[in-house]
Amino acid sequence: MSAPVATPVNVATGTTQPAPEDLNSPFILTNDKRPPILPWPNISGQAKWSVSSYKFGFGTECLLDGDPETFWHSDGPQPHFITIEFPRKVAIQKLSIFLCHPLDDSYTPSTLAIRAGTGPNDLQDVRIITLEKPDGWLTFDISSEPNEGGEGLKPVHAYILQLIILTNHMSGKDTHVRGLNVLGPIEEAVGEEDPFPWASTEFKMHETIR
């Protein structure tokens, strides 16, 4: 796998780039403070979350509570990171992150690296992005490899996903992240004519038994 090239994303205050209805775009910005309603399933609840450091009362729970007024606040040396561990290998399509430069200023992340792998010792960079004064929910593909149809990007299959804050705005030390969701690929609808849909209640009950 070749090393990813940092992708600049202009997500300045008051802009939407691109329009949210463009589902094939690798970057979607919505300025609403609440998590956007998107077709990709939110799989955040399937994972165990941990962070490199945090101030008391500003831990991982603030990433997942859906409240735009709360935030994870790091409390250690850079880089800061969020580690998301799944009990099994899953397909991960996108990350959706809420950042607010107008409120957080130098605590706002400006360079993000996304790593994925099967364990803590084999994590590889899959995407690096740079941000310019972000304000809103930024949803982006964690892969940069096009899918077979050429109309989007492939999901990444991994047990562990790690978001690393490499730098902050104006070289700030600690960081604020107000929300983070992990999204899986859109599930294809099963056709009525499919003789083997593998979607019955009995199958769903036993699909994870090994």
N, C-alpha and C. Protein backbone atom coordinates (compact mmCIF):
# COMPACT_ATOMS: atom_id res chain seq x y z
N MET A 1 0.85 -1.19 0.00
CA MET A 1 0.00 0.00 0.00
C MET A 1 0.88 1.24 0.00
N SER A 2 0.68 2.12 -0.96
CA SER A 2 1.48 3.34 -1.03
C SER A 2 1.03 4.32 0.03
N ALA A 3 1.98 5.16 0.48
CA ALA A 3 1.66 6.13 1.53
C ALA A 3 0.68 7.16 1.00
N PRO A 4 -0.37 7.49 1.77
CA PRO A 4 -1.35 8.47 1.30
C PRO A 4 -0.77 9.87 1.28
N VAL A 5 -1.24 10.66 0.35
CA VAL A 5 -0.83 12.05 0.24
C VAL A 5 -1.82 12.91 0.98
N ALA A 6 -1.33 13.90 1.72
CA ALA A 6 -2.22 14.78 2.47
C ALA A 6 -3.15 15.51 1.52
N THR A 7 -4.45 15.48 1.84
CA THR A 7 -5.47 16.12 1.01
C THR A 7 -5.95 17.39 1.70
N PRO A 8 -5.74 18.57 1.09
CA PRO A 8 -6.26 19.79 1.71
C PRO A 8 -7.76 19.89 1.53
N VAL A 9 -8.47 20.26 2.59
CA VAL A 9 -9.92 20.41 2.53
C VAL A 9 -10.28 21.77 3.08
N ASN A 10 -10.85 22.62 2.25
CA ASN A 10 -11.25 23.95 2.68
C ASN A 10 -12.65 23.88 3.26
N VAL A 11 -12.74 23.92 4.58
CA VAL A 11 -14.03 23.81 5.24
C VAL A 11 -14.23 25.02 6.15
N ALA A 12 -14.00 26.19 5.59
CA ALA A 12 -14.09 27.42 6.37
C ALA A 12 -15.53 27.68 6.82
N THR A 13 -15.67 28.52 7.82
CA THR A 13 -16.97 28.85 8.40
C THR A 13 -17.96 29.32 7.34
N GLY A 14 -19.18 28.77 7.41
CA GLY A 14 -20.26 29.24 6.54
C GLY A 14 -20.26 28.65 5.16
N THR A 15 -19.44 27.65 4.90
CA THR A 15 -19.41 27.05 3.58
C THR A 15 -19.95 25.63 3.65
N THR A 16 -20.38 25.13 2.52
CA THR A 16 -20.73 23.72 2.39
C THR A 16 -20.03 23.20 1.14
N GLN A 17 -19.11 22.29 1.33
CA GLN A 17 -18.30 21.81 0.22
C GLN A 17 -18.12 20.31 0.33
N PRO A 18 -18.68 19.52 -0.55
CA PRO A 18 -19.63 19.87 -1.58
C PRO A 18 -21.04 19.82 -1.02
N ALA A 19 -22.07 19.89 -1.87
CA ALA A 19 -23.45 19.78 -1.42
C ALA A 19 -23.68 18.41 -0.80
N PRO A 20 -24.39 18.31 0.34
CA PRO A 20 -24.59 17.03 1.00
C PRO A 20 -25.25 15.97 0.14
N GLU A 21 -26.03 16.39 -0.85
CA GLU A 21 -26.69 15.38 -1.68
C GLU A 21 -25.74 14.67 -2.63
N ASP A 22 -24.50 15.17 -2.76
CA ASP A 22 -23.52 14.53 -3.63
C ASP A 22 -22.86 13.39 -2.86
N LEU A 23 -23.51 12.23 -2.83
CA LEU A 23 -23.05 11.12 -2.00
C LEU A 23 -21.78 10.47 -2.53
N ASN A 24 -21.41 10.70 -3.77
CA ASN A 24 -20.20 10.11 -4.32
C ASN A 24 -18.95 10.94 -4.04
N SER A 25 -19.12 12.11 -3.46
CA SER A 25 -17.97 12.93 -3.15
C SER A 25 -17.24 12.40 -1.93
N PRO A 26 -15.91 12.45 -1.90
CA PRO A 26 -15.18 11.96 -0.72
C PRO A 26 -15.29 12.88 0.49
N PHE A 27 -15.77 14.13 0.32
CA PHE A 27 -15.89 15.06 1.44
C PHE A 27 -17.26 15.74 1.42
N ILE A 28 -17.94 15.68 2.56
CA ILE A 28 -19.25 16.33 2.72
C ILE A 28 -19.19 17.17 3.99
N LEU A 29 -19.55 18.44 3.90
CA LEU A 29 -19.58 19.31 5.07
C LEU A 29 -20.99 19.79 5.30
N THR A 30 -21.47 19.65 6.54
CA THR A 30 -22.76 20.22 6.93
C THR A 30 -22.52 21.11 8.13
N ASN A 31 -23.12 22.29 8.12
CA ASN A 31 -22.88 23.28 9.16
C ASN A 31 -23.79 23.14 10.37
N ASP A 32 -24.78 22.24 10.31
CA ASP A 32 -25.65 22.00 11.45
C ASP A 32 -24.80 21.39 12.59
N LYS A 33 -25.07 21.81 13.83
CA LYS A 33 -24.30 21.30 14.96
C LYS A 33 -24.67 19.87 15.32
N ARG A 34 -25.86 19.45 14.92
CA ARG A 34 -26.27 18.07 15.20
C ARG A 34 -25.69 17.14 14.15
N PRO A 35 -25.46 15.86 14.50
CA PRO A 35 -24.92 14.92 13.51
C PRO A 35 -25.81 14.87 12.28
N PRO A 36 -25.22 14.88 11.08
CA PRO A 36 -26.02 14.86 9.86
C PRO A 36 -26.72 13.53 9.66
N ILE A 37 -27.86 13.58 8.98
CA ILE A 37 -28.58 12.36 8.62
C ILE A 37 -28.03 11.88 7.29
N LEU A 38 -27.36 10.74 7.30
CA LEU A 38 -26.66 10.22 6.13
C LEU A 38 -27.08 8.78 5.89
N PRO A 39 -26.93 8.29 4.66
CA PRO A 39 -27.37 6.92 4.37
C PRO A 39 -26.42 5.83 4.88
N TRP A 40 -25.19 6.20 5.25
CA TRP A 40 -24.24 5.20 5.72
C TRP A 40 -24.55 4.82 7.18
N PRO A 41 -24.58 3.55 7.51
CA PRO A 41 -24.93 3.14 8.88
C PRO A 41 -23.85 3.53 9.88
N ASN A 42 -24.28 4.01 11.04
CA ASN A 42 -23.37 4.40 12.11
C ASN A 42 -23.00 3.14 12.91
N ILE A 43 -21.73 2.75 12.87
CA ILE A 43 -21.29 1.53 13.55
C ILE A 43 -20.44 1.86 14.78
N SER A 44 -20.50 3.10 15.24
CA SER A 44 -19.68 3.53 16.37
C SER A 44 -19.94 2.70 17.63
N GLY A 45 -21.21 2.33 17.86
CA GLY A 45 -21.57 1.63 19.08
C GLY A 45 -21.05 0.20 19.14
N GLN A 46 -20.53 -0.33 18.03
CA GLN A 46 -20.01 -1.69 18.04
C GLN A 46 -18.59 -1.78 18.58
N ALA A 47 -17.95 -0.63 18.80
CA ALA A 47 -16.52 -0.61 19.10
C ALA A 47 -16.23 -0.16 20.52
N LYS A 48 -15.03 -0.46 20.97
CA LYS A 48 -14.48 0.06 22.23
C LYS A 48 -13.63 1.28 21.88
N TRP A 49 -13.86 2.39 22.57
CA TRP A 49 -13.18 3.65 22.28
C TRP A 49 -12.20 4.00 23.38
N SER A 50 -11.04 4.54 23.00
CA SER A 50 -10.06 5.04 23.96
C SER A 50 -9.35 6.24 23.35
N VAL A 51 -8.75 7.07 24.20
CA VAL A 51 -8.04 8.26 23.74
C VAL A 51 -6.67 8.31 24.40
N SER A 52 -5.78 9.07 23.79
CA SER A 52 -4.40 9.15 24.29
C SER A 52 -4.33 9.86 25.64
N SER A 53 -5.22 10.81 25.88
CA SER A 53 -5.28 11.54 27.15
C SER A 53 -6.58 12.33 27.18
N TYR A 54 -6.97 12.77 28.37
CA TYR A 54 -8.17 13.63 28.46
C TYR A 54 -8.20 14.34 29.80
N LYS A 55 -8.82 15.50 29.81
CA LYS A 55 -9.10 16.20 31.06
C LYS A 55 -10.33 15.58 31.71
N PHE A 56 -10.36 15.57 33.03
CA PHE A 56 -11.48 14.98 33.75
C PHE A 56 -12.80 15.63 33.31
N GLY A 57 -13.78 14.80 32.94
CA GLY A 57 -15.06 15.29 32.48
C GLY A 57 -15.13 15.57 31.00
N PHE A 58 -14.01 15.37 30.28
CA PHE A 58 -13.97 15.64 28.83
C PHE A 58 -13.35 14.43 28.11
N GLY A 59 -13.88 13.24 28.41
CA GLY A 59 -13.33 12.01 27.86
C GLY A 59 -14.04 11.52 26.62
N THR A 60 -13.93 10.22 26.36
CA THR A 60 -14.48 9.63 25.14
C THR A 60 -16.00 9.77 25.06
N GLU A 61 -16.67 9.82 26.23
CA GLU A 61 -18.13 9.93 26.21
C GLU A 61 -18.59 11.20 25.50
N CYS A 62 -17.75 12.23 25.50
CA CYS A 62 -18.12 13.49 24.85
C CYS A 62 -18.03 13.41 23.32
N LEU A 63 -17.34 12.40 22.83
CA LEU A 63 -17.27 12.20 21.38
C LEU A 63 -18.56 11.58 20.84
N LEU A 64 -19.27 10.84 21.69
CA LEU A 64 -20.36 10.00 21.23
C LEU A 64 -21.73 10.43 21.74
N ASP A 65 -21.79 11.51 22.55
CA ASP A 65 -23.07 11.86 23.17
C ASP A 65 -24.00 12.67 22.27
N GLY A 66 -23.55 13.08 21.09
CA GLY A 66 -24.41 13.84 20.17
C GLY A 66 -24.67 15.26 20.61
N ASP A 67 -24.01 15.71 21.68
CA ASP A 67 -24.21 17.07 22.20
C ASP A 67 -23.12 17.98 21.66
N PRO A 68 -23.46 19.01 20.86
CA PRO A 68 -22.45 19.89 20.27
C PRO A 68 -21.74 20.78 21.29
N GLU A 69 -22.28 20.85 22.51
CA GLU A 69 -21.68 21.70 23.53
C GLU A 69 -20.58 20.98 24.32
N THR A 70 -20.50 19.67 24.21
CA THR A 70 -19.45 18.92 24.90
C THR A 70 -18.35 18.55 23.92
N PHE A 71 -17.17 18.24 24.44
CA PHE A 71 -16.05 17.91 23.56
C PHE A 71 -14.99 17.11 24.32
N TRP A 72 -14.29 16.25 23.58
CA TRP A 72 -13.09 15.61 24.13
C TRP A 72 -11.99 16.65 24.19
N HIS A 73 -11.33 16.75 25.33
CA HIS A 73 -10.23 17.68 25.52
C HIS A 73 -8.99 16.88 25.90
N SER A 74 -8.01 16.85 25.01
CA SER A 74 -6.77 16.12 25.28
C SER A 74 -6.01 16.80 26.41
N ASP A 75 -5.13 16.03 27.05
CA ASP A 75 -4.36 16.57 28.17
C ASP A 75 -2.99 15.90 28.23
N GLY A 76 -2.30 15.93 27.10
CA GLY A 76 -0.99 15.28 27.03
C GLY A 76 -0.20 15.77 25.84
N PRO A 77 0.98 15.20 25.60
CA PRO A 77 1.83 15.65 24.49
C PRO A 77 1.26 15.24 23.14
N GLN A 78 1.58 16.00 22.11
CA GLN A 78 1.17 15.64 20.75
C GLN A 78 2.07 14.51 20.24
N PRO A 79 1.55 13.73 19.25
CA PRO A 79 0.21 13.81 18.67
C PRO A 79 -0.84 13.21 19.61
N HIS A 80 -2.08 13.68 19.44
CA HIS A 80 -3.21 13.13 20.19
C HIS A 80 -3.92 12.11 19.30
N PHE A 81 -4.49 11.09 19.90
CA PHE A 81 -5.17 10.10 19.05
C PHE A 81 -6.37 9.49 19.74
N ILE A 82 -7.29 9.05 18.88
CA ILE A 82 -8.50 8.33 19.28
C ILE A 82 -8.43 6.95 18.65
N THR A 83 -8.55 5.92 19.47
CA THR A 83 -8.45 4.54 18.98
C THR A 83 -9.81 3.87 19.10
N ILE A 84 -10.25 3.23 18.02
CA ILE A 84 -11.57 2.61 17.94
C ILE A 84 -11.35 1.14 17.58
N GLU A 85 -11.67 0.23 18.53
CA GLU A 85 -11.39 -1.19 18.37
C GLU A 85 -12.70 -1.98 18.24
N PHE A 86 -12.82 -2.72 17.15
CA PHE A 86 -14.00 -3.55 16.91
C PHE A 86 -13.70 -5.00 17.31
N PRO A 87 -14.72 -5.75 17.78
CA PRO A 87 -14.49 -7.13 18.19
C PRO A 87 -14.27 -8.08 17.01
N ARG A 88 -14.60 -7.63 15.83
CA ARG A 88 -14.38 -8.42 14.61
C ARG A 88 -14.01 -7.47 13.48
N LYS A 89 -13.51 -8.02 12.40
CA LYS A 89 -13.15 -7.18 11.26
C LYS A 89 -14.43 -6.62 10.63
N VAL A 90 -14.45 -5.31 10.43
CA VAL A 90 -15.62 -4.66 9.86
C VAL A 90 -15.21 -3.82 8.65
N ALA A 91 -16.19 -3.54 7.81
CA ALA A 91 -15.99 -2.64 6.67
C ALA A 91 -16.29 -1.22 7.13
N ILE A 92 -15.31 -0.33 6.97
CA ILE A 92 -15.45 1.06 7.40
C ILE A 92 -15.38 1.94 6.15
N GLN A 93 -16.43 2.73 5.94
CA GLN A 93 -16.49 3.57 4.75
C GLN A 93 -16.03 5.00 5.04
N LYS A 94 -16.59 5.59 6.11
CA LYS A 94 -16.36 7.02 6.35
C LYS A 94 -16.19 7.33 7.84
N LEU A 95 -15.61 8.48 8.10
CA LEU A 95 -15.63 9.10 9.42
C LEU A 95 -16.41 10.39 9.31
N SER A 96 -17.17 10.71 10.35
CA SER A 96 -17.89 11.97 10.42
C SER A 96 -17.45 12.67 11.70
N ILE A 97 -16.82 13.83 11.59
CA ILE A 97 -16.22 14.51 12.73
C ILE A 97 -16.74 15.94 12.83
N PHE A 98 -17.05 16.36 14.07
CA PHE A 98 -17.54 17.71 14.30
C PHE A 98 -16.44 18.55 14.94
N LEU A 99 -16.02 19.59 14.22
CA LEU A 99 -15.00 20.53 14.69
C LEU A 99 -15.57 21.94 14.60
N CYS A 100 -15.15 22.82 15.52
CA CYS A 100 -15.72 24.17 15.57
C CYS A 100 -14.61 25.18 15.84
N HIS A 101 -13.99 25.67 14.77
CA HIS A 101 -12.92 26.65 14.92
C HIS A 101 -13.38 27.94 15.59
N PRO A 102 -14.59 28.50 15.29
CA PRO A 102 -15.01 29.75 15.94
C PRO A 102 -15.02 29.66 17.46
N LEU A 103 -15.32 28.47 18.03
CA LEU A 103 -15.34 28.32 19.48
C LEU A 103 -14.01 27.82 20.03
N ASP A 104 -13.32 26.98 19.29
CA ASP A 104 -12.14 26.29 19.83
C ASP A 104 -10.80 26.89 19.42
N ASP A 105 -10.78 27.69 18.37
CA ASP A 105 -9.58 28.44 17.96
C ASP A 105 -8.36 27.52 17.88
N SER A 106 -7.34 27.75 18.70
CA SER A 106 -6.09 27.00 18.59
C SER A 106 -6.20 25.56 19.05
N TYR A 107 -7.35 25.19 19.64
CA TYR A 107 -7.59 23.79 20.01
C TYR A 107 -8.14 22.99 18.83
N THR A 108 -8.38 23.64 17.70
CA THR A 108 -9.00 22.99 16.55
C THR A 108 -7.98 22.20 15.75
N PRO A 109 -8.20 20.91 15.49
CA PRO A 109 -7.27 20.13 14.66
C PRO A 109 -7.14 20.72 13.26
N SER A 110 -5.92 20.69 12.73
CA SER A 110 -5.68 21.17 11.37
C SER A 110 -5.11 20.09 10.46
N THR A 111 -4.49 19.06 11.01
CA THR A 111 -4.00 17.94 10.20
C THR A 111 -4.39 16.64 10.88
N LEU A 112 -5.11 15.79 10.15
CA LEU A 112 -5.57 14.51 10.66
C LEU A 112 -4.95 13.38 9.86
N ALA A 113 -4.54 12.33 10.54
CA ALA A 113 -4.09 11.10 9.89
C ALA A 113 -5.02 9.97 10.33
N ILE A 114 -5.45 9.14 9.39
CA ILE A 114 -6.30 8.00 9.68
C ILE A 114 -5.49 6.73 9.46
N ARG A 115 -5.46 5.88 10.48
CA ARG A 115 -4.75 4.61 10.38
C ARG A 115 -5.73 3.47 10.62
N ALA A 116 -5.44 2.33 9.99
CA ALA A 116 -6.30 1.16 10.14
C ALA A 116 -5.44 -0.09 10.09
N GLY A 117 -5.93 -1.16 10.73
CA GLY A 117 -5.19 -2.42 10.72
C GLY A 117 -5.92 -3.49 11.49
N THR A 118 -5.25 -4.65 11.66
CA THR A 118 -5.83 -5.77 12.39
C THR A 118 -5.40 -5.77 13.85
N GLY A 119 -4.41 -4.98 14.21
CA GLY A 119 -3.92 -4.91 15.58
C GLY A 119 -3.10 -3.65 15.76
N PRO A 120 -2.71 -3.34 17.01
CA PRO A 120 -1.98 -2.10 17.27
C PRO A 120 -0.60 -2.05 16.64
N ASN A 121 -0.06 -3.20 16.24
CA ASN A 121 1.30 -3.21 15.70
C ASN A 121 1.37 -3.19 14.18
N ASP A 122 0.21 -3.21 13.51
CA ASP A 122 0.26 -3.20 12.04
C ASP A 122 -0.60 -2.09 11.44
N LEU A 123 -0.85 -1.04 12.20
CA LEU A 123 -1.65 0.07 11.69
C LEU A 123 -0.91 0.80 10.57
N GLN A 124 -1.65 1.12 9.50
CA GLN A 124 -1.08 1.83 8.36
C GLN A 124 -1.91 3.07 8.05
N ASP A 125 -1.24 4.12 7.63
CA ASP A 125 -1.95 5.33 7.21
C ASP A 125 -2.79 5.02 5.98
N VAL A 126 -4.07 5.40 6.03
CA VAL A 126 -4.94 5.22 4.87
C VAL A 126 -5.38 6.56 4.29
N ARG A 127 -5.36 7.63 5.11
CA ARG A 127 -5.67 8.96 4.59
C ARG A 127 -5.11 10.01 5.53
N ILE A 128 -4.64 11.11 4.95
CA ILE A 128 -4.18 12.28 5.70
C ILE A 128 -4.86 13.50 5.10
N ILE A 129 -5.48 14.33 5.94
CA ILE A 129 -6.15 15.52 5.42
C ILE A 129 -5.73 16.74 6.24
N THR A 130 -5.71 17.89 5.59
CA THR A 130 -5.45 19.15 6.27
C THR A 130 -6.70 20.01 6.19
N LEU A 131 -7.00 20.73 7.26
CA LEU A 131 -8.23 21.49 7.38
C LEU A 131 -7.93 22.96 7.60
N GLU A 132 -8.77 23.81 7.04
CA GLU A 132 -8.63 25.26 7.18
C GLU A 132 -9.85 25.81 7.92
N LYS A 133 -9.69 26.04 9.22
CA LYS A 133 -10.73 26.63 10.07
C LYS A 133 -12.08 25.90 9.91
N PRO A 134 -12.13 24.62 10.21
CA PRO A 134 -13.38 23.87 10.04
C PRO A 134 -14.45 24.31 11.03
N ASP A 135 -15.70 24.30 10.57
CA ASP A 135 -16.83 24.62 11.44
C ASP A 135 -18.03 23.82 10.98
N GLY A 136 -18.24 22.66 11.57
CA GLY A 136 -19.36 21.81 11.19
C GLY A 136 -18.95 20.35 11.20
N TRP A 137 -19.86 19.53 10.71
CA TRP A 137 -19.60 18.09 10.58
C TRP A 137 -18.95 17.81 9.23
N LEU A 138 -17.75 17.29 9.24
CA LEU A 138 -17.06 16.88 8.03
C LEU A 138 -17.12 15.36 7.93
N THR A 139 -17.71 14.86 6.85
CA THR A 139 -17.82 13.43 6.61
C THR A 139 -16.97 13.08 5.40
N PHE A 140 -16.07 12.11 5.57
CA PHE A 140 -15.14 11.80 4.47
C PHE A 140 -14.80 10.32 4.45
N ASP A 141 -14.50 9.83 3.23
CA ASP A 141 -14.05 8.45 3.05
C ASP A 141 -12.67 8.30 3.67
N ILE A 142 -12.46 7.18 4.38
CA ILE A 142 -11.14 6.97 4.96
C ILE A 142 -10.18 6.34 3.96
N SER A 143 -10.70 5.82 2.87
CA SER A 143 -9.86 5.26 1.82
C SER A 143 -9.71 6.26 0.69
N SER A 144 -8.63 6.14 -0.06
CA SER A 144 -8.44 6.95 -1.26
C SER A 144 -8.42 6.09 -2.51
N GLU A 145 -8.78 4.78 -2.37
CA GLU A 145 -8.77 3.87 -3.51
C GLU A 145 -10.17 3.78 -4.11
N PRO A 146 -10.30 4.00 -5.43
CA PRO A 146 -11.62 3.92 -6.07
C PRO A 146 -12.17 2.51 -6.05
N ASN A 147 -13.52 2.41 -5.97
CA ASN A 147 -14.14 1.09 -6.00
C ASN A 147 -14.19 0.58 -7.43
N GLU A 148 -14.72 -0.64 -7.60
CA GLU A 148 -14.71 -1.29 -8.91
C GLU A 148 -15.53 -0.52 -9.92
N GLY A 149 -16.62 0.12 -9.47
CA GLY A 149 -17.45 0.86 -10.41
C GLY A 149 -16.91 2.23 -10.75
N GLY A 150 -15.92 2.69 -10.01
CA GLY A 150 -15.35 4.00 -10.26
C GLY A 150 -16.24 5.16 -9.85
N GLU A 151 -17.33 4.88 -9.09
CA GLU A 151 -18.26 5.93 -8.69
C GLU A 151 -18.11 6.31 -7.22
N GLY A 152 -17.11 5.80 -6.57
CA GLY A 152 -16.87 6.08 -5.16
C GLY A 152 -15.57 5.45 -4.73
N LEU A 153 -15.35 5.38 -3.42
CA LEU A 153 -14.12 4.84 -2.88
C LEU A 153 -14.40 3.56 -2.10
N LYS A 154 -13.43 2.68 -2.08
CA LYS A 154 -13.57 1.41 -1.39
C LYS A 154 -13.65 1.60 0.12
N PRO A 155 -14.37 0.72 0.83
CA PRO A 155 -14.27 0.73 2.30
C PRO A 155 -12.95 0.10 2.73
N VAL A 156 -12.57 0.35 3.96
CA VAL A 156 -11.39 -0.27 4.55
C VAL A 156 -11.86 -1.33 5.53
N HIS A 157 -11.30 -2.54 5.45
CA HIS A 157 -11.67 -3.62 6.35
C HIS A 157 -10.62 -3.72 7.46
N ALA A 158 -11.05 -3.56 8.71
CA ALA A 158 -10.09 -3.49 9.80
C ALA A 158 -10.74 -3.85 11.13
N TYR A 159 -9.90 -4.23 12.08
CA TYR A 159 -10.32 -4.39 13.46
C TYR A 159 -10.14 -3.10 14.24
N ILE A 160 -9.12 -2.34 13.89
CA ILE A 160 -8.79 -1.12 14.63
C ILE A 160 -8.72 0.06 13.67
N LEU A 161 -9.33 1.16 14.09
CA LEU A 161 -9.23 2.43 13.36
C LEU A 161 -8.69 3.46 14.34
N GLN A 162 -7.75 4.27 13.88
CA GLN A 162 -7.15 5.28 14.75
C GLN A 162 -7.14 6.63 14.04
N LEU A 163 -7.67 7.63 14.73
CA LEU A 163 -7.64 9.01 14.25
C LEU A 163 -6.55 9.75 15.03
N ILE A 164 -5.59 10.31 14.31
CA ILE A 164 -4.46 10.98 14.94
C ILE A 164 -4.50 12.46 14.60
N ILE A 165 -4.47 13.31 15.62
CA ILE A 165 -4.39 14.76 15.42
C ILE A 165 -2.92 15.13 15.43
N LEU A 166 -2.39 15.40 14.25
CA LEU A 166 -0.97 15.69 14.11
C LEU A 166 -0.64 17.13 14.48
N THR A 167 -1.50 18.07 14.05
CA THR A 167 -1.28 19.48 14.37
C THR A 167 -2.61 20.16 14.62
N ASN A 168 -2.56 21.27 15.34
CA ASN A 168 -3.72 22.10 15.60
C ASN A 168 -3.55 23.47 14.94
N HIS A 169 -4.65 24.18 14.82
CA HIS A 169 -4.63 25.54 14.30
C HIS A 169 -3.69 26.42 15.14
N MET A 170 -2.88 27.21 14.48
CA MET A 170 -1.94 28.14 15.13
C MET A 170 -1.00 27.41 16.10
N SER A 171 -0.68 26.14 15.77
CA SER A 171 0.27 25.34 16.55
C SER A 171 -0.18 25.12 17.99
N GLY A 172 -1.50 25.07 18.21
CA GLY A 172 -2.01 24.79 19.55
C GLY A 172 -1.56 23.43 20.04
N LYS A 173 -1.52 23.26 21.36
CA LYS A 173 -1.01 22.01 21.95
C LYS A 173 -2.14 21.01 22.20
N ASP A 174 -3.07 21.34 23.10
CA ASP A 174 -4.21 20.44 23.34
C ASP A 174 -5.22 20.57 22.19
N THR A 175 -6.17 19.64 22.16
CA THR A 175 -7.13 19.64 21.06
C THR A 175 -8.55 19.43 21.56
N HIS A 176 -9.54 19.91 20.78
CA HIS A 176 -10.96 19.68 21.05
C HIS A 176 -11.58 18.97 19.84
N VAL A 177 -12.31 17.91 20.08
CA VAL A 177 -13.13 17.26 19.07
C VAL A 177 -14.52 17.12 19.67
N ARG A 178 -15.54 17.68 19.02
CA ARG A 178 -16.89 17.77 19.59
C ARG A 178 -17.79 16.61 19.21
N GLY A 179 -17.39 15.78 18.28
CA GLY A 179 -18.20 14.63 17.91
C GLY A 179 -17.46 13.78 16.88
N LEU A 180 -17.70 12.47 16.91
CA LEU A 180 -17.05 11.58 15.96
C LEU A 180 -17.92 10.34 15.78
N ASN A 181 -18.20 10.00 14.53
CA ASN A 181 -18.95 8.79 14.20
C ASN A 181 -18.20 7.99 13.15
N VAL A 182 -18.28 6.67 13.28
CA VAL A 182 -17.70 5.76 12.29
C VAL A 182 -18.85 5.18 11.47
N LEU A 183 -18.73 5.26 10.15
CA LEU A 183 -19.82 4.86 9.26
C LEU A 183 -19.39 3.68 8.39
N GLY A 184 -20.27 2.70 8.25
CA GLY A 184 -20.01 1.57 7.37
C GLY A 184 -20.52 1.84 5.97
N PRO A 185 -20.26 0.94 5.03
CA PRO A 185 -20.78 1.10 3.67
C PRO A 185 -22.29 0.96 3.62
N ILE A 186 -22.90 1.56 2.60
CA ILE A 186 -24.35 1.44 2.41
C ILE A 186 -24.66 0.00 2.03
N GLU A 187 -25.59 -0.60 2.75
CA GLU A 187 -25.95 -1.98 2.47
C GLU A 187 -26.89 -2.05 1.28
N GLU A 188 -26.57 -2.96 0.36
CA GLU A 188 -27.42 -3.12 -0.81
C GLU A 188 -28.71 -3.83 -0.42
N ALA A 189 -29.81 -3.33 -0.96
CA ALA A 189 -31.11 -3.95 -0.69
C ALA A 189 -31.18 -5.32 -1.35
N VAL A 190 -31.77 -6.27 -0.66
CA VAL A 190 -31.93 -7.61 -1.21
C VAL A 190 -33.15 -7.65 -2.10
N GLY A 191 -32.99 -8.10 -3.35
CA GLY A 191 -34.10 -8.17 -4.29
C GLY A 191 -35.09 -9.26 -3.92
N GLU A 192 -36.36 -9.02 -4.22
CA GLU A 192 -37.39 -10.01 -3.91
C GLU A 192 -37.18 -11.31 -4.67
N GLU A 193 -36.52 -11.21 -5.82
CA GLU A 193 -36.35 -12.40 -6.63
C GLU A 193 -35.15 -13.23 -6.20
N ASP A 194 -34.37 -12.75 -5.24
CA ASP A 194 -33.18 -13.46 -4.79
C ASP A 194 -33.60 -14.73 -4.05
N PRO A 195 -33.27 -15.92 -4.56
CA PRO A 195 -33.69 -17.16 -3.89
C PRO A 195 -32.93 -17.43 -2.60
N PHE A 196 -31.77 -16.79 -2.40
CA PHE A 196 -30.97 -16.99 -1.20
C PHE A 196 -30.62 -15.63 -0.60
N PRO A 197 -31.57 -14.94 0.00
CA PRO A 197 -31.33 -13.59 0.50
C PRO A 197 -30.44 -13.52 1.72
N TRP A 198 -30.34 -14.61 2.50
CA TRP A 198 -29.51 -14.62 3.71
C TRP A 198 -29.85 -13.44 4.61
N ALA A 199 -31.10 -13.12 4.71
CA ALA A 199 -31.51 -11.97 5.53
C ALA A 199 -32.66 -12.33 6.46
N SER A 200 -32.91 -13.62 6.66
CA SER A 200 -34.00 -14.02 7.54
C SER A 200 -33.63 -13.75 8.99
N THR A 201 -34.64 -13.76 9.87
CA THR A 201 -34.39 -13.56 11.30
C THR A 201 -33.48 -14.65 11.85
N GLU A 202 -33.70 -15.91 11.42
CA GLU A 202 -32.87 -17.01 11.89
C GLU A 202 -31.41 -16.83 11.49
N PHE A 203 -31.18 -16.41 10.26
CA PHE A 203 -29.80 -16.21 9.80
C PHE A 203 -29.14 -15.08 10.57
N LYS A 204 -29.85 -13.96 10.77
CA LYS A 204 -29.28 -12.83 11.49
C LYS A 204 -28.91 -13.21 12.92
N MET A 205 -29.69 -14.13 13.52
CA MET A 205 -29.41 -14.55 14.90
C MET A 205 -28.13 -15.34 15.01
N HIS A 206 -27.77 -16.06 13.92
CA HIS A 206 -26.64 -16.97 14.01
C HIS A 206 -25.46 -16.58 13.13
N GLU A 207 -25.52 -15.40 12.48
CA GLU A 207 -24.47 -15.08 11.51
C GLU A 207 -23.11 -14.84 12.15
N THR A 208 -23.07 -14.54 13.47
CA THR A 208 -21.78 -14.27 14.10
C THR A 208 -21.24 -15.44 14.90
N ILE A 209 -21.95 -16.57 14.91
CA ILE A 209 -21.47 -17.74 15.63
C ILE A 209 -20.32 -18.37 14.87
N ARG A 210 -19.27 -18.70 15.61
CA ARG A 210 -18.08 -19.31 14.95
C ARG A 210 -17.94 -20.75 15.37
